[in-house]
Amino acid sequence: MTIPISYYLILSAIVFLTGIVGVLIRRNIIAILLSIELMLNATNINFVAFSEHFQDLGGQVFVFFALTVAAAEVAIGLAIIIALHRAKDSINIEEFNLLKW
């Protein structure tokens, strides 16, 4: 008994849409980064599902490298958030206009 690939794709779509809604609605930098991670994990679900469906390990290897890069991204993102919090005493996205001309 195997689970159909459509179930994985529906789960991935739900997780990806949750991430998109989180990015669009939230104003907290940490919540936005978590939503971006949800979107990346949704793509990882797709890679693993198609890798299993086509009996090819290429998708699973790609997910391994994607998770490694995501861990480094989180570490750098949190370091930037800590630096911004020390400068402004807030992590609300609307209060940061450091990149505007």
PDB file of N, CA and C in Angstrom:
ATOM      1  N   MET A   1       0.838  -1.178   0.000  1.00  0.00           N
ATOM      2  CA  MET A   1       0.000   0.000   0.000  1.00  0.00           C
ATOM      3  C   MET A   1       0.887   1.246   0.000  1.00  0.00           C
ATOM      4  N   THR A   2       0.755   2.044  -1.021  1.00  0.00           N
ATOM      5  CA  THR A   2       1.533   3.272  -1.115  1.00  0.00           C
ATOM      6  C   THR A   2       0.606   4.476  -1.088  1.00  0.00           C
ATOM      7  N   ILE A   3       1.151   5.565  -0.645  1.00  0.00           N
ATOM      8  CA  ILE A   3       0.388   6.807  -0.605  1.00  0.00           C
ATOM      9  C   ILE A   3       0.521   7.487  -1.972  1.00  0.00           C
ATOM     10  N   PRO A   4      -0.581   7.907  -2.562  1.00  0.00           N
ATOM     11  CA  PRO A   4      -0.505   8.564  -3.877  1.00  0.00           C
ATOM     12  C   PRO A   4       0.284   9.872  -3.805  1.00  0.00           C
ATOM     13  N   ILE A   5       0.928  10.198  -4.906  1.00  0.00           N
ATOM     14  CA  ILE A   5       1.756  11.406  -4.952  1.00  0.00           C
ATOM     15  C   ILE A   5       0.898  12.664  -4.816  1.00  0.00           C
ATOM     16  N   SER A   6      -0.369  12.575  -5.178  1.00  0.00           N
ATOM     17  CA  SER A   6      -1.244  13.746  -5.072  1.00  0.00           C
ATOM     18  C   SER A   6      -1.413  14.189  -3.617  1.00  0.00           C
ATOM     19  N   TYR A   7      -1.370  13.246  -2.682  1.00  0.00           N
ATOM     20  CA  TYR A   7      -1.465  13.614  -1.265  1.00  0.00           C
ATOM     21  C   TYR A   7      -0.272  14.465  -0.848  1.00  0.00           C
ATOM     22  N   TYR A   8       0.911  14.079  -1.310  1.00  0.00           N
ATOM     23  CA  TYR A   8       2.112  14.854  -0.995  1.00  0.00           C
ATOM     24  C   TYR A   8       2.052  16.244  -1.624  1.00  0.00           C
ATOM     25  N   LEU A   9       1.545  16.309  -2.836  1.00  0.00           N
ATOM     26  CA  LEU A   9       1.457  17.603  -3.518  1.00  0.00           C
ATOM     27  C   LEU A   9       0.440  18.514  -2.839  1.00  0.00           C
ATOM     28  N   ILE A  10      -0.655  17.951  -2.358  1.00  0.00           N
ATOM     29  CA  ILE A  10      -1.647  18.755  -1.635  1.00  0.00           C
ATOM     30  C   ILE A  10      -1.066  19.251  -0.317  1.00  0.00           C
ATOM     31  N   LEU A  11      -0.367  18.374   0.403  1.00  0.00           N
ATOM     32  CA  LEU A  11       0.292  18.793   1.646  1.00  0.00           C
ATOM     33  C   LEU A  11       1.305  19.889   1.377  1.00  0.00           C
ATOM     34  N   SER A  12       2.088  19.726   0.328  1.00  0.00           N
ATOM     35  CA  SER A  12       3.086  20.734  -0.021  1.00  0.00           C
ATOM     36  C   SER A  12       2.431  22.063  -0.379  1.00  0.00           C
ATOM     37  N   ALA A  13       1.336  22.026  -1.100  1.00  0.00           N
ATOM     38  CA  ALA A  13       0.632  23.254  -1.463  1.00  0.00           C
ATOM     39  C   ALA A  13       0.087  23.960  -0.228  1.00  0.00           C
ATOM     40  N   ILE A  14      -0.451  23.196   0.713  1.00  0.00           N
ATOM     41  CA  ILE A  14      -0.984  23.795   1.935  1.00  0.00           C
ATOM     42  C   ILE A  14       0.131  24.447   2.745  1.00  0.00           C
ATOM     43  N   VAL A  15       1.259  23.753   2.875  1.00  0.00           N
ATOM     44  CA  VAL A  15       2.398  24.311   3.627  1.00  0.00           C
ATOM     45  C   VAL A  15       2.945  25.551   2.927  1.00  0.00           C
ATOM     46  N   PHE A  16       3.033  25.506   1.583  1.00  0.00           N
ATOM     47  CA  PHE A  16       3.547  26.658   0.838  1.00  0.00           C
ATOM     48  C   PHE A  16       2.615  27.857   0.964  1.00  0.00           C
ATOM     49  N   LEU A  17       1.317  27.631   0.863  1.00  0.00           N
ATOM     50  CA  LEU A  17       0.361  28.736   1.003  1.00  0.00           C
ATOM     51  C   LEU A  17       0.378  29.315   2.415  1.00  0.00           C
ATOM     52  N   THR A  18       0.569  28.466   3.411  1.00  0.00           N
ATOM     53  CA  THR A  18       0.707  28.957   4.782  1.00  0.00           C
ATOM     54  C   THR A  18       1.919  29.871   4.897  1.00  0.00           C
ATOM     55  N   GLY A  19       3.016  29.501   4.246  1.00  0.00           N
ATOM     56  CA  GLY A  19       4.207  30.341   4.246  1.00  0.00           C
ATOM     57  C   GLY A  19       3.992  31.669   3.539  1.00  0.00           C
ATOM     58  N   ILE A  20       3.297  31.635   2.411  1.00  0.00           N
ATOM     59  CA  ILE A  20       3.026  32.879   1.682  1.00  0.00           C
ATOM     60  C   ILE A  20       2.153  33.815   2.515  1.00  0.00           C
ATOM     61  N   VAL A  21       1.117  33.266   3.124  1.00  0.00           N
ATOM     62  CA  VAL A  21       0.240  34.084   3.970  1.00  0.00           C
ATOM     63  C   VAL A  21       1.025  34.658   5.136  1.00  0.00           C
ATOM     64  N   GLY A  22       1.913  33.859   5.713  1.00  0.00           N
ATOM     65  CA  GLY A  22       2.737  34.345   6.824  1.00  0.00           C
ATOM     66  C   GLY A  22       3.649  35.488   6.419  1.00  0.00           C
ATOM     67  N   VAL A  23       4.230  35.404   5.230  1.00  0.00           N
ATOM     68  CA  VAL A  23       5.108  36.483   4.760  1.00  0.00           C
ATOM     69  C   VAL A  23       4.307  37.749   4.491  1.00  0.00           C
ATOM     70  N   LEU A  24       3.129  37.603   3.920  1.00  0.00           N
ATOM     71  CA  LEU A  24       2.338  38.775   3.553  1.00  0.00           C
ATOM     72  C   LEU A  24       1.657  39.443   4.746  1.00  0.00           C
ATOM     73  N   ILE A  25       1.287  38.684   5.755  1.00  0.00           N
ATOM     74  CA  ILE A  25       0.514  39.234   6.869  1.00  0.00           C
ATOM     75  C   ILE A  25       1.391  39.675   8.029  1.00  0.00           C
ATOM     76  N   ARG A  26       2.394  38.907   8.361  1.00  0.00           N
ATOM     77  CA  ARG A  26       3.191  39.182   9.560  1.00  0.00           C
ATOM     78  C   ARG A  26       4.066  40.414   9.387  1.00  0.00           C
ATOM     79  N   ARG A  27       4.346  41.075  10.502  1.00  0.00           N
ATOM     80  CA  ARG A  27       5.233  42.235  10.512  1.00  0.00           C
ATOM     81  C   ARG A  27       6.448  42.004  11.402  1.00  0.00           C
ATOM     82  N   ASN A  28       6.542  40.830  11.995  1.00  0.00           N
ATOM     83  CA  ASN A  28       7.674  40.478  12.840  1.00  0.00           C
ATOM     84  C   ASN A  28       8.714  39.771  11.971  1.00  0.00           C
ATOM     85  N   ILE A  29       9.967  40.166  12.075  1.00  0.00           N
ATOM     86  CA  ILE A  29      11.001  39.605  11.208  1.00  0.00           C
ATOM     87  C   ILE A  29      11.169  38.105  11.452  1.00  0.00           C
ATOM     88  N   ILE A  30      11.100  37.674  12.691  1.00  0.00           N
ATOM     89  CA  ILE A  30      11.269  36.255  12.988  1.00  0.00           C
ATOM     90  C   ILE A  30      10.126  35.443  12.391  1.00  0.00           C
ATOM     91  N   ALA A  31       8.907  35.946  12.471  1.00  0.00           N
ATOM     92  CA  ALA A  31       7.767  35.242  11.877  1.00  0.00           C
ATOM     93  C   ALA A  31       7.890  35.184  10.354  1.00  0.00           C
ATOM     94  N   ILE A  32       8.425  36.224   9.751  1.00  0.00           N
ATOM     95  CA  ILE A  32       8.623  36.226   8.304  1.00  0.00           C
ATOM     96  C   ILE A  32       9.670  35.189   7.911  1.00  0.00           C
ATOM     97  N   LEU A  33      10.760  35.109   8.666  1.00  0.00           N
ATOM     98  CA  LEU A  33      11.780  34.098   8.371  1.00  0.00           C
ATOM     99  C   LEU A  33      11.236  32.679   8.550  1.00  0.00           C
ATOM    100  N   LEU A  34      10.407  32.478   9.564  1.00  0.00           N
ATOM    101  CA  LEU A  34       9.791  31.161   9.745  1.00  0.00           C
ATOM    102  C   LEU A  34       8.857  30.824   8.581  1.00  0.00           C
ATOM    103  N   SER A  35       8.165  31.817   8.066  1.00  0.00           N
ATOM    104  CA  SER A  35       7.277  31.589   6.923  1.00  0.00           C
ATOM    105  C   SER A  35       8.073  31.245   5.667  1.00  0.00           C
ATOM    106  N   ILE A  36       9.212  31.883   5.500  1.00  0.00           N
ATOM    107  CA  ILE A  36      10.079  31.554   4.362  1.00  0.00           C
ATOM    108  C   ILE A  36      10.595  30.129   4.489  1.00  0.00           C
ATOM    109  N   GLU A  37      10.928  29.721   5.697  1.00  0.00           N
ATOM    110  CA  GLU A  37      11.362  28.339   5.916  1.00  0.00           C
ATOM    111  C   GLU A  37      10.238  27.359   5.607  1.00  0.00           C
ATOM    112  N   LEU A  38       8.997  27.728   5.910  1.00  0.00           N
ATOM    113  CA  LEU A  38       7.865  26.866   5.547  1.00  0.00           C
ATOM    114  C   LEU A  38       7.786  26.683   4.032  1.00  0.00           C
ATOM    115  N   MET A  39       8.001  27.761   3.288  1.00  0.00           N
ATOM    116  CA  MET A  39       7.951  27.661   1.837  1.00  0.00           C
ATOM    117  C   MET A  39       9.082  26.785   1.310  1.00  0.00           C
ATOM    118  N   LEU A  40      10.270  26.905   1.900  1.00  0.00           N
ATOM    119  CA  LEU A  40      11.388  26.053   1.477  1.00  0.00           C
ATOM    120  C   LEU A  40      11.109  24.585   1.804  1.00  0.00           C
ATOM    121  N   ASN A  41      10.511  24.328   2.950  1.00  0.00           N
ATOM    122  CA  ASN A  41      10.189  22.950   3.313  1.00  0.00           C
ATOM    123  C   ASN A  41       9.098  22.369   2.419  1.00  0.00           C
ATOM    124  N   ALA A  42       8.199  23.202   1.935  1.00  0.00           N
ATOM    125  CA  ALA A  42       7.185  22.725   0.992  1.00  0.00           C
ATOM    126  C   ALA A  42       7.841  22.250  -0.309  1.00  0.00           C
ATOM    127  N   THR A  43       8.835  22.974  -0.768  1.00  0.00           N
ATOM    128  CA  THR A  43       9.538  22.521  -1.974  1.00  0.00           C
ATOM    129  C   THR A  43      10.323  21.240  -1.691  1.00  0.00           C
ATOM    130  N   ASN A  44      10.853  21.112  -0.481  1.00  0.00           N
ATOM    131  CA  ASN A  44      11.563  19.880  -0.123  1.00  0.00           C
ATOM    132  C   ASN A  44      10.614  18.679  -0.122  1.00  0.00           C
ATOM    133  N   ILE A  45       9.381  18.885   0.332  1.00  0.00           N
ATOM    134  CA  ILE A  45       8.388  17.806   0.288  1.00  0.00           C
ATOM    135  C   ILE A  45       8.157  17.369  -1.158  1.00  0.00           C
ATOM    136  N   ASN A  46       8.081  18.337  -2.065  1.00  0.00           N
ATOM    137  CA  ASN A  46       7.901  18.001  -3.479  1.00  0.00           C
ATOM    138  C   ASN A  46       9.083  17.209  -4.025  1.00  0.00           C
ATOM    139  N   PHE A  47      10.296  17.639  -3.687  1.00  0.00           N
ATOM    140  CA  PHE A  47      11.479  16.930  -4.175  1.00  0.00           C
ATOM    141  C   PHE A  47      11.498  15.483  -3.695  1.00  0.00           C
ATOM    142  N   VAL A  48      11.194  15.277  -2.417  1.00  0.00           N
ATOM    143  CA  VAL A  48      11.209  13.919  -1.881  1.00  0.00           C
ATOM    144  C   VAL A  48      10.074  13.089  -2.484  1.00  0.00           C
ATOM    145  N   ALA A  49       8.911  13.682  -2.659  1.00  0.00           N
ATOM    146  CA  ALA A  49       7.780  12.943  -3.227  1.00  0.00           C
ATOM    147  C   ALA A  49       8.074  12.506  -4.660  1.00  0.00           C
ATOM    148  N   PHE A  50       8.602  13.406  -5.468  1.00  0.00           N
ATOM    149  CA  PHE A  50       8.911  13.038  -6.848  1.00  0.00           C
ATOM    150  C   PHE A  50      10.102  12.090  -6.925  1.00  0.00           C
ATOM    151  N   SER A  51      11.036  12.237  -6.002  1.00  0.00           N
ATOM    152  CA  SER A  51      12.159  11.321  -5.944  1.00  0.00           C
ATOM    153  C   SER A  51      11.689   9.900  -5.648  1.00  0.00           C
ATOM    154  N   GLU A  52      10.761   9.777  -4.736  1.00  0.00           N
ATOM    155  CA  GLU A  52      10.209   8.452  -4.418  1.00  0.00           C
ATOM    156  C   GLU A  52       9.338   7.933  -5.561  1.00  0.00           C
ATOM    157  N   HIS A  53       8.588   8.818  -6.185  1.00  0.00           N
ATOM    158  CA  HIS A  53       7.693   8.399  -7.270  1.00  0.00           C
ATOM    159  C   HIS A  53       8.476   7.868  -8.470  1.00  0.00           C
ATOM    160  N   PHE A  54       9.572   8.540  -8.809  1.00  0.00           N
ATOM    161  CA  PHE A  54      10.374   8.137  -9.970  1.00  0.00           C
ATOM    162  C   PHE A  54      11.536   7.215  -9.604  1.00  0.00           C
ATOM    163  N   GLN A  55      11.624   6.831  -8.320  1.00  0.00           N
ATOM    164  CA  GLN A  55      12.682   5.939  -7.844  1.00  0.00           C
ATOM    165  C   GLN A  55      14.072   6.457  -8.216  1.00  0.00           C
ATOM    166  N   ASP A  56      14.294   7.744  -7.937  1.00  0.00           N
ATOM    167  CA  ASP A  56      15.570   8.394  -8.213  1.00  0.00           C
ATOM    168  C   ASP A  56      16.012   9.120  -6.951  1.00  0.00           C
ATOM    169  N   LEU A  57      17.247   8.948  -6.554  1.00  0.00           N
ATOM    170  CA  LEU A  57      17.739   9.562  -5.320  1.00  0.00           C
ATOM    171  C   LEU A  57      18.209  11.002  -5.511  1.00  0.00           C
ATOM    172  N   GLY A  58      18.162  11.506  -6.716  1.00  0.00           N
ATOM    173  CA  GLY A  58      18.630  12.864  -6.983  1.00  0.00           C
ATOM    174  C   GLY A  58      17.868  13.917  -6.198  1.00  0.00           C
ATOM    175  N   GLY A  59      16.561  13.758  -6.089  1.00  0.00           N
ATOM    176  CA  GLY A  59      15.745  14.716  -5.338  1.00  0.00           C
ATOM    177  C   GLY A  59      16.067  14.706  -3.861  1.00  0.00           C
ATOM    178  N   GLN A  60      16.334  13.533  -3.311  1.00  0.00           N
ATOM    179  CA  GLN A  60      16.651  13.441  -1.893  1.00  0.00           C
ATOM    180  C   GLN A  60      18.025  14.022  -1.592  1.00  0.00           C
ATOM    181  N   VAL A  61      18.955  13.859  -2.507  1.00  0.00           N
ATOM    182  CA  VAL A  61      20.275  14.465  -2.337  1.00  0.00           C
ATOM    183  C   VAL A  61      20.153  15.987  -2.397  1.00  0.00           C
ATOM    184  N   PHE A  62      19.324  16.473  -3.313  1.00  0.00           N
ATOM    185  CA  PHE A  62      19.122  17.917  -3.404  1.00  0.00           C
ATOM    186  C   PHE A  62      18.507  18.472  -2.130  1.00  0.00           C
ATOM    187  N   VAL A  63      17.575  17.738  -1.534  1.00  0.00           N
ATOM    188  CA  VAL A  63      16.955  18.162  -0.275  1.00  0.00           C
ATOM    189  C   VAL A  63      17.992  18.220   0.831  1.00  0.00           C
ATOM    190  N   PHE A  64      18.908  17.262   0.863  1.00  0.00           N
ATOM    191  CA  PHE A  64      19.961  17.266   1.871  1.00  0.00           C
ATOM    192  C   PHE A  64      20.787  18.550   1.780  1.00  0.00           C
ATOM    193  N   PHE A  65      21.185  18.937   0.573  1.00  0.00           N
ATOM    194  CA  PHE A  65      21.955  20.164   0.403  1.00  0.00           C
ATOM    195  C   PHE A  65      21.104  21.408   0.684  1.00  0.00           C
ATOM    196  N   ALA A  66      19.837  21.374   0.325  1.00  0.00           N
ATOM    197  CA  ALA A  66      18.952  22.509   0.589  1.00  0.00           C
ATOM    198  C   ALA A  66      18.775  22.718   2.086  1.00  0.00           C
ATOM    199  N   LEU A  67      18.653  21.636   2.852  1.00  0.00           N
ATOM    200  CA  LEU A  67      18.531  21.767   4.308  1.00  0.00           C
ATOM    201  C   LEU A  67      19.820  22.298   4.926  1.00  0.00           C
ATOM    202  N   THR A  68      20.951  21.921   4.371  1.00  0.00           N
ATOM    203  CA  THR A  68      22.228  22.441   4.859  1.00  0.00           C
ATOM    204  C   THR A  68      22.330  23.941   4.621  1.00  0.00           C
ATOM    205  N   VAL A  69      21.948  24.379   3.437  1.00  0.00           N
ATOM    206  CA  VAL A  69      21.971  25.813   3.126  1.00  0.00           C
ATOM    207  C   VAL A  69      20.953  26.563   3.984  1.00  0.00           C
ATOM    208  N   ALA A  70      19.795  25.966   4.223  1.00  0.00           N
ATOM    209  CA  ALA A  70      18.761  26.608   5.044  1.00  0.00           C
ATOM    210  C   ALA A  70      19.242  26.795   6.478  1.00  0.00           C
ATOM    211  N   ALA A  71      19.995  25.838   7.007  1.00  0.00           N
ATOM    212  CA  ALA A  71      20.522  25.979   8.362  1.00  0.00           C
ATOM    213  C   ALA A  71      21.504  27.141   8.441  1.00  0.00           C
ATOM    214  N   ALA A  72      22.348  27.282   7.432  1.00  0.00           N
ATOM    215  CA  ALA A  72      23.276  28.416   7.395  1.00  0.00           C
ATOM    216  C   ALA A  72      22.524  29.729   7.234  1.00  0.00           C
ATOM    217  N   GLU A  73      21.478  29.719   6.438  1.00  0.00           N
ATOM    218  CA  GLU A  73      20.661  30.912   6.232  1.00  0.00           C
ATOM    219  C   GLU A  73      20.009  31.366   7.533  1.00  0.00           C
ATOM    220  N   VAL A  74      19.510  30.426   8.303  1.00  0.00           N
ATOM    221  CA  VAL A  74      18.877  30.764   9.575  1.00  0.00           C
ATOM    222  C   VAL A  74      19.887  31.364  10.535  1.00  0.00           C
ATOM    223  N   ALA A  75      21.077  30.804  10.581  1.00  0.00           N
ATOM    224  CA  ALA A  75      22.110  31.335  11.477  1.00  0.00           C
ATOM    225  C   ALA A  75      22.481  32.771  11.103  1.00  0.00           C
ATOM    226  N   ILE A  76      22.642  33.035   9.828  1.00  0.00           N
ATOM    227  CA  ILE A  76      22.982  34.390   9.381  1.00  0.00           C
ATOM    228  C   ILE A  76      21.803  35.333   9.582  1.00  0.00           C
ATOM    229  N   GLY A  77      20.596  34.864   9.290  1.00  0.00           N
ATOM    230  CA  GLY A  77      19.401  35.695   9.481  1.00  0.00           C
ATOM    231  C   GLY A  77      19.204  36.084  10.937  1.00  0.00           C
ATOM    232  N   LEU A  78      19.399  35.152  11.851  1.00  0.00           N
ATOM    233  CA  LEU A  78      19.265  35.484  13.270  1.00  0.00           C
ATOM    234  C   LEU A  78      20.343  36.448  13.734  1.00  0.00           C
ATOM    235  N   ALA A  79      21.543  36.326  13.189  1.00  0.00           N
ATOM    236  CA  ALA A  79      22.606  37.280  13.536  1.00  0.00           C
ATOM    237  C   ALA A  79      22.241  38.690  13.066  1.00  0.00           C
ATOM    238  N   ILE A  80      21.654  38.796  11.886  1.00  0.00           N
ATOM    239  CA  ILE A  80      21.220  40.101  11.378  1.00  0.00           C
ATOM    240  C   ILE A  80      20.089  40.651  12.238  1.00  0.00           C
ATOM    241  N   ILE A  81      19.163  39.797  12.632  1.00  0.00           N
ATOM    242  CA  ILE A  81      18.050  40.241  13.482  1.00  0.00           C
ATOM    243  C   ILE A  81      18.558  40.740  14.822  1.00  0.00           C
ATOM    244  N   ILE A  82      19.523  40.053  15.404  1.00  0.00           N
ATOM    245  CA  ILE A  82      20.092  40.495  16.683  1.00  0.00           C
ATOM    246  C   ILE A  82      20.766  41.845  16.524  1.00  0.00           C
ATOM    247  N   ALA A  83      21.494  42.044  15.415  1.00  0.00           N
ATOM    248  CA  ALA A  83      22.145  43.333  15.180  1.00  0.00           C
ATOM    249  C   ALA A  83      21.113  44.447  14.996  1.00  0.00           C
ATOM    250  N   LEU A  84      20.038  44.170  14.285  1.00  0.00           N
ATOM    251  CA  LEU A  84      18.994  45.184  14.104  1.00  0.00           C
ATOM    252  C   LEU A  84      18.268  45.476  15.410  1.00  0.00           C
ATOM    253  N   HIS A  85      18.059  44.452  16.225  1.00  0.00           N
ATOM    254  CA  HIS A  85      17.396  44.656  17.517  1.00  0.00           C
ATOM    255  C   HIS A  85      18.250  45.511  18.439  1.00  0.00           C
ATOM    256  N   ARG A  86      19.536  45.312  18.386  1.00  0.00           N
ATOM    257  CA  ARG A  86      20.426  46.137  19.215  1.00  0.00           C
ATOM    258  C   ARG A  86      20.443  47.580  18.746  1.00  0.00           C
ATOM    259  N   ALA A  87      20.271  47.797  17.442  1.00  0.00           N
ATOM    260  CA  ALA A  87      20.302  49.165  16.911  1.00  0.00           C
ATOM    261  C   ALA A  87      18.992  49.901  17.144  1.00  0.00           C
ATOM    262  N   LYS A  88      17.856  49.215  17.023  1.00  0.00           N
ATOM    263  CA  LYS A  88      16.547  49.884  17.081  1.00  0.00           C
ATOM    264  C   LYS A  88      15.674  49.465  18.254  1.00  0.00           C
ATOM    265  N   ASP A  89      16.051  48.456  19.020  1.00  0.00           N
ATOM    266  CA  ASP A  89      15.256  47.921  20.131  1.00  0.00           C
ATOM    267  C   ASP A  89      13.877  47.432  19.688  1.00  0.00           C
ATOM    268  N   SER A  90      13.788  46.943  18.461  1.00  0.00           N
ATOM    269  CA  SER A  90      12.543  46.404  17.943  1.00  0.00           C
ATOM    270  C   SER A  90      12.864  45.461  16.792  1.00  0.00           C
ATOM    271  N   ILE A  91      11.965  44.507  16.550  1.00  0.00           N
ATOM    272  CA  ILE A  91      12.116  43.647  15.377  1.00  0.00           C
ATOM    273  C   ILE A  91      10.877  43.737  14.484  1.00  0.00           C
ATOM    274  N   ASN A  92      10.176  44.847  14.581  1.00  0.00           N
ATOM    275  CA  ASN A  92       9.024  45.101  13.721  1.00  0.00           C
ATOM    276  C   ASN A  92       9.539  45.568  12.362  1.00  0.00           C
ATOM    277  N   ILE A  93       9.071  44.946  11.300  1.00  0.00           N
ATOM    278  CA  ILE A  93       9.587  45.211   9.957  1.00  0.00           C
ATOM    279  C   ILE A  93       9.286  46.629   9.477  1.00  0.00           C
ATOM    280  N   GLU A  94       8.217  47.228   9.979  1.00  0.00           N
ATOM    281  CA  GLU A  94       7.839  48.558   9.514  1.00  0.00           C
ATOM    282  C   GLU A  94       8.748  49.656  10.060  1.00  0.00           C
ATOM    283  N   GLU A  95       9.513  49.358  11.085  1.00  0.00           N
ATOM    284  CA  GLU A  95      10.383  50.375  11.683  1.00  0.00           C
ATOM    285  C   GLU A  95      11.769  50.425  11.048  1.00  0.00           C
ATOM    286  N   PHE A  96      12.042  49.539  10.130  1.00  0.00           N
ATOM    287  CA  PHE A  96      13.359  49.503   9.514  1.00  0.00           C
ATOM    288  C   PHE A  96      13.298  50.124   8.130  1.00  0.00           C
ATOM    289  N   ASN A  97      13.947  51.240   7.984  1.00  0.00           N
ATOM    290  CA  ASN A  97      14.067  51.885   6.680  1.00  0.00           C
ATOM    291  C   ASN A  97      15.536  52.150   6.384  1.00  0.00           C
ATOM    292  N   LEU A  98      16.399  51.240   6.826  1.00  0.00           N
ATOM    293  CA  LEU A  98      17.825  51.412   6.660  1.00  0.00           C
ATOM    294  C   LEU A  98      18.259  51.312   5.201  1.00  0.00           C
ATOM    295  N   LEU A  99      17.514  50.632   4.358  1.00  0.00           N
ATOM    296  CA  LEU A  99      17.908  50.444   2.987  1.00  0.00           C
ATOM    297  C   LEU A  99      17.292  51.464   2.033  1.00  0.00           C
ATOM    298  N   LYS A 100      16.504  52.388   2.560  1.00  0.00           N
ATOM    299  CA  LYS A 100      15.911  53.424   1.699  1.00  0.00           C
ATOM    300  C   LYS A 100      16.928  54.526   1.438  1.00  0.00           C
ATOM    301  N   TRP A 101      16.763  55.193   0.303  1.00  0.00           N
ATOM    302  CA  TRP A 101      17.684  56.281  -0.060  1.00  0.00           C
ATOM    303  C   TRP A 101      17.386  57.507   0.697  1.00  0.00           C
TER     304      TRP A 101
END
